[in-house]
Amino acid sequence: FLGAGIGFYNVKGESDVTWSASGYYPVNVGSMSDTGNCYGFHLVAGADLAISSNAALGLELKWSKAEQELEGEIDGDEIELGDINVGGTTINFVGKVFF
């Protein structure tokens, strides 16, 4: 089977911020986190193998594309983490039971 669609993605980003300069030890100045939601799209392809009249095993390959801009705050200063690519490729092995 083949398919395509749109998705709604929940995103959470976390980052530790370290300051460093030549000749000095790095200093951890804090950490920040942000959450957001974004829309994206995906393409999927897969196949099922019937193992009985009401059960099947399957394999799915899914590619998705979505981006979310995240930002945070350290000591009152607003810092942008930038556009984070939350898409990617996943492979799912599935078991299906038909009623």
C-alpha atoms as a PDB file:
ATOM      1  CA  PHE A   1       0.000   0.000   0.000  1.00  0.00           C
ATOM      2  CA  LEU A   2       0.958   3.647  -0.530  1.00  0.00           C
ATOM      3  CA  GLY A   3      -0.286   6.727   1.252  1.00  0.00           C
ATOM      4  CA  ALA A   4       0.255  10.396   1.970  1.00  0.00           C
ATOM      5  CA  GLY A   5      -1.154  12.800   4.496  1.00  0.00           C
ATOM      6  CA  ILE A   6      -0.705  15.684   6.864  1.00  0.00           C
ATOM      7  CA  GLY A   7       0.148  15.427  10.526  1.00  0.00           C
ATOM      8  CA  PHE A   8       0.055  17.494  13.700  1.00  0.00           C
ATOM      9  CA  TYR A   9       3.318  17.221  15.631  1.00  0.00           C
ATOM     10  CA  ASN A  10       4.010  18.044  19.297  1.00  0.00           C
ATOM     11  CA  VAL A  11       7.585  19.242  19.778  1.00  0.00           C
ATOM     12  CA  LYS A  12       9.699  19.698  22.913  1.00  0.00           C
ATOM     13  CA  GLY A  13      13.265  20.938  22.703  1.00  0.00           C
ATOM     14  CA  GLU A  14      15.838  21.171  25.487  1.00  0.00           C
ATOM     15  CA  SER A  15      19.341  22.603  25.377  1.00  0.00           C
ATOM     16  CA  ASP A  16      22.226  23.134  27.801  1.00  0.00           C
ATOM     17  CA  VAL A  17      24.052  26.379  27.077  1.00  0.00           C
ATOM     18  CA  THR A  18      27.817  26.521  27.607  1.00  0.00           C
ATOM     19  CA  TRP A  19      30.026  29.587  27.281  1.00  0.00           C
ATOM     20  CA  SER A  20      33.632  29.077  26.272  1.00  0.00           C
ATOM     21  CA  ALA A  21      36.549  31.189  25.120  1.00  0.00           C
ATOM     22  CA  SER A  22      40.102  30.368  24.125  1.00  0.00           C
ATOM     23  CA  GLY A  23      42.261  29.749  27.187  1.00  0.00           C
ATOM     24  CA  TYR A  24      39.319  29.383  29.609  1.00  0.00           C
ATOM     25  CA  TYR A  25      37.414  26.400  30.912  1.00  0.00           C
ATOM     26  CA  PRO A  26      33.851  26.092  29.514  1.00  0.00           C
ATOM     27  CA  VAL A  27      31.178  27.440  31.852  1.00  0.00           C
ATOM     28  CA  ASN A  28      27.642  26.052  31.927  1.00  0.00           C
ATOM     29  CA  VAL A  29      25.429  29.160  31.939  1.00  0.00           C
ATOM     30  CA  GLY A  30      22.097  27.358  32.144  1.00  0.00           C
ATOM     31  CA  SER A  31      19.594  25.311  30.277  1.00  0.00           C
ATOM     32  CA  MET A  32      16.364  26.086  28.480  1.00  0.00           C
ATOM     33  CA  SER A  33      13.420  24.294  26.997  1.00  0.00           C
ATOM     34  CA  ASP A  34      10.455  25.120  24.802  1.00  0.00           C
ATOM     35  CA  THR A  35       7.450  23.289  23.452  1.00  0.00           C
ATOM     36  CA  GLY A  36       5.411  23.876  20.332  1.00  0.00           C
ATOM     37  CA  ASN A  37       3.096  22.369  17.760  1.00  0.00           C
ATOM     38  CA  CYS A  38       3.408  22.292  14.005  1.00  0.00           C
ATOM     39  CA  TYR A  39       1.870  20.749  10.923  1.00  0.00           C
ATOM     40  CA  GLY A  40       3.803  18.617   8.486  1.00  0.00           C
ATOM     41  CA  PHE A  41       3.281  16.009   5.805  1.00  0.00           C
ATOM     42  CA  HIS A  42       4.238  12.389   5.378  1.00  0.00           C
ATOM     43  CA  LEU A  43       4.533   9.655   2.770  1.00  0.00           C
ATOM     44  CA  VAL A  44       4.075   5.999   3.672  1.00  0.00           C
ATOM     45  CA  ALA A  45       4.551   2.662   1.919  1.00  0.00           C
ATOM     46  CA  GLY A  46       4.036  -0.794   3.321  1.00  0.00           C
ATOM     47  CA  ALA A  47       2.998  -4.391   2.875  1.00  0.00           C
ATOM     48  CA  ASP A  48       1.047  -6.965   4.894  1.00  0.00           C
ATOM     49  CA  LEU A  49       1.458 -10.729   4.961  1.00  0.00           C
ATOM     50  CA  ALA A  50      -1.630 -12.689   6.010  1.00  0.00           C
ATOM     51  CA  ILE A  51      -0.778 -15.363   8.583  1.00  0.00           C
ATOM     52  CA  SER A  52      -4.404 -16.469   9.097  1.00  0.00           C
ATOM     53  CA  SER A  53      -7.896 -15.448   8.017  1.00  0.00           C
ATOM     54  CA  ASN A  54      -8.006 -12.701  10.668  1.00  0.00           C
ATOM     55  CA  ALA A  55      -4.347 -11.774  11.330  1.00  0.00           C
ATOM     56  CA  ALA A  56      -1.426 -10.289   9.420  1.00  0.00           C
ATOM     57  CA  LEU A  57       2.142  -9.144   9.926  1.00  0.00           C
ATOM     58  CA  GLY A  58       3.264  -5.984   8.219  1.00  0.00           C
ATOM     59  CA  LEU A  59       6.088  -3.610   7.481  1.00  0.00           C
ATOM     60  CA  GLU A  60       5.654   0.150   7.004  1.00  0.00           C
ATOM     61  CA  LEU A  61       8.148   2.787   5.901  1.00  0.00           C
ATOM     62  CA  LYS A  62       7.182   6.381   6.715  1.00  0.00           C
ATOM     63  CA  TRP A  63       8.960   9.608   5.743  1.00  0.00           C
ATOM     64  CA  SER A  64       7.799  12.861   7.315  1.00  0.00           C
ATOM     65  CA  LYS A  65       8.695  16.550   6.997  1.00  0.00           C
ATOM     66  CA  ALA A  66       7.908  19.107   9.710  1.00  0.00           C
ATOM     67  CA  GLU A  67       9.712  22.073  11.270  1.00  0.00           C
ATOM     68  CA  GLN A  68       9.102  24.013  14.466  1.00  0.00           C
ATOM     69  CA  GLU A  69      10.833  27.184  15.660  1.00  0.00           C
ATOM     70  CA  LEU A  70      11.885  26.880  19.298  1.00  0.00           C
ATOM     71  CA  GLU A  71      13.203  29.533  21.663  1.00  0.00           C
ATOM     72  CA  GLY A  72      14.025  29.826  25.338  1.00  0.00           C
ATOM     73  CA  GLU A  73      15.162  32.183  28.052  1.00  0.00           C
ATOM     74  CA  ILE A  74      18.272  32.241  30.249  1.00  0.00           C
ATOM     75  CA  ASP A  75      18.625  34.942  32.912  1.00  0.00           C
ATOM     76  CA  GLY A  76      15.991  37.058  31.167  1.00  0.00           C
ATOM     77  CA  ASP A  77      17.696  36.874  27.762  1.00  0.00           C
ATOM     78  CA  GLU A  78      15.646  35.455  24.893  1.00  0.00           C
ATOM     79  CA  ILE A  79      17.599  32.825  22.915  1.00  0.00           C
ATOM     80  CA  GLU A  80      16.408  31.199  19.696  1.00  0.00           C
ATOM     81  CA  LEU A  81      17.144  27.525  19.149  1.00  0.00           C
ATOM     82  CA  GLY A  82      16.104  27.990  15.520  1.00  0.00           C
ATOM     83  CA  ASP A  83      13.951  25.911  13.212  1.00  0.00           C
ATOM     84  CA  ILE A  84      14.108  22.317  14.390  1.00  0.00           C
ATOM     85  CA  ASN A  85      13.502  19.568  11.829  1.00  0.00           C
ATOM     86  CA  VAL A  86      11.213  17.099  13.597  1.00  0.00           C
ATOM     87  CA  GLY A  87      10.601  14.951  10.547  1.00  0.00           C
ATOM     88  CA  GLY A  88      12.490  11.859   9.560  1.00  0.00           C
ATOM     89  CA  THR A  89      12.149   8.263   8.492  1.00  0.00           C
ATOM     90  CA  THR A  90      10.661   5.456  10.564  1.00  0.00           C
ATOM     91  CA  ILE A  91      10.229   1.743   9.967  1.00  0.00           C
ATOM     92  CA  ASN A  92       7.371  -0.018  11.767  1.00  0.00           C
ATOM     93  CA  PHE A  93       6.896  -3.750  12.160  1.00  0.00           C
ATOM     94  CA  VAL A  94       3.205  -4.311  12.855  1.00  0.00           C
ATOM     95  CA  GLY A  95       0.843  -7.048  13.911  1.00  0.00           C
ATOM     96  CA  LYS A  96      -2.786  -6.756  12.826  1.00  0.00           C
ATOM     97  CA  VAL A  97      -5.916  -8.561  13.963  1.00  0.00           C
ATOM     98  CA  PHE A  98      -9.087  -8.254  11.914  1.00  0.00           C
ATOM     99  CA  PHE A  99     -12.530  -8.454  13.536  1.00  0.00           C
END
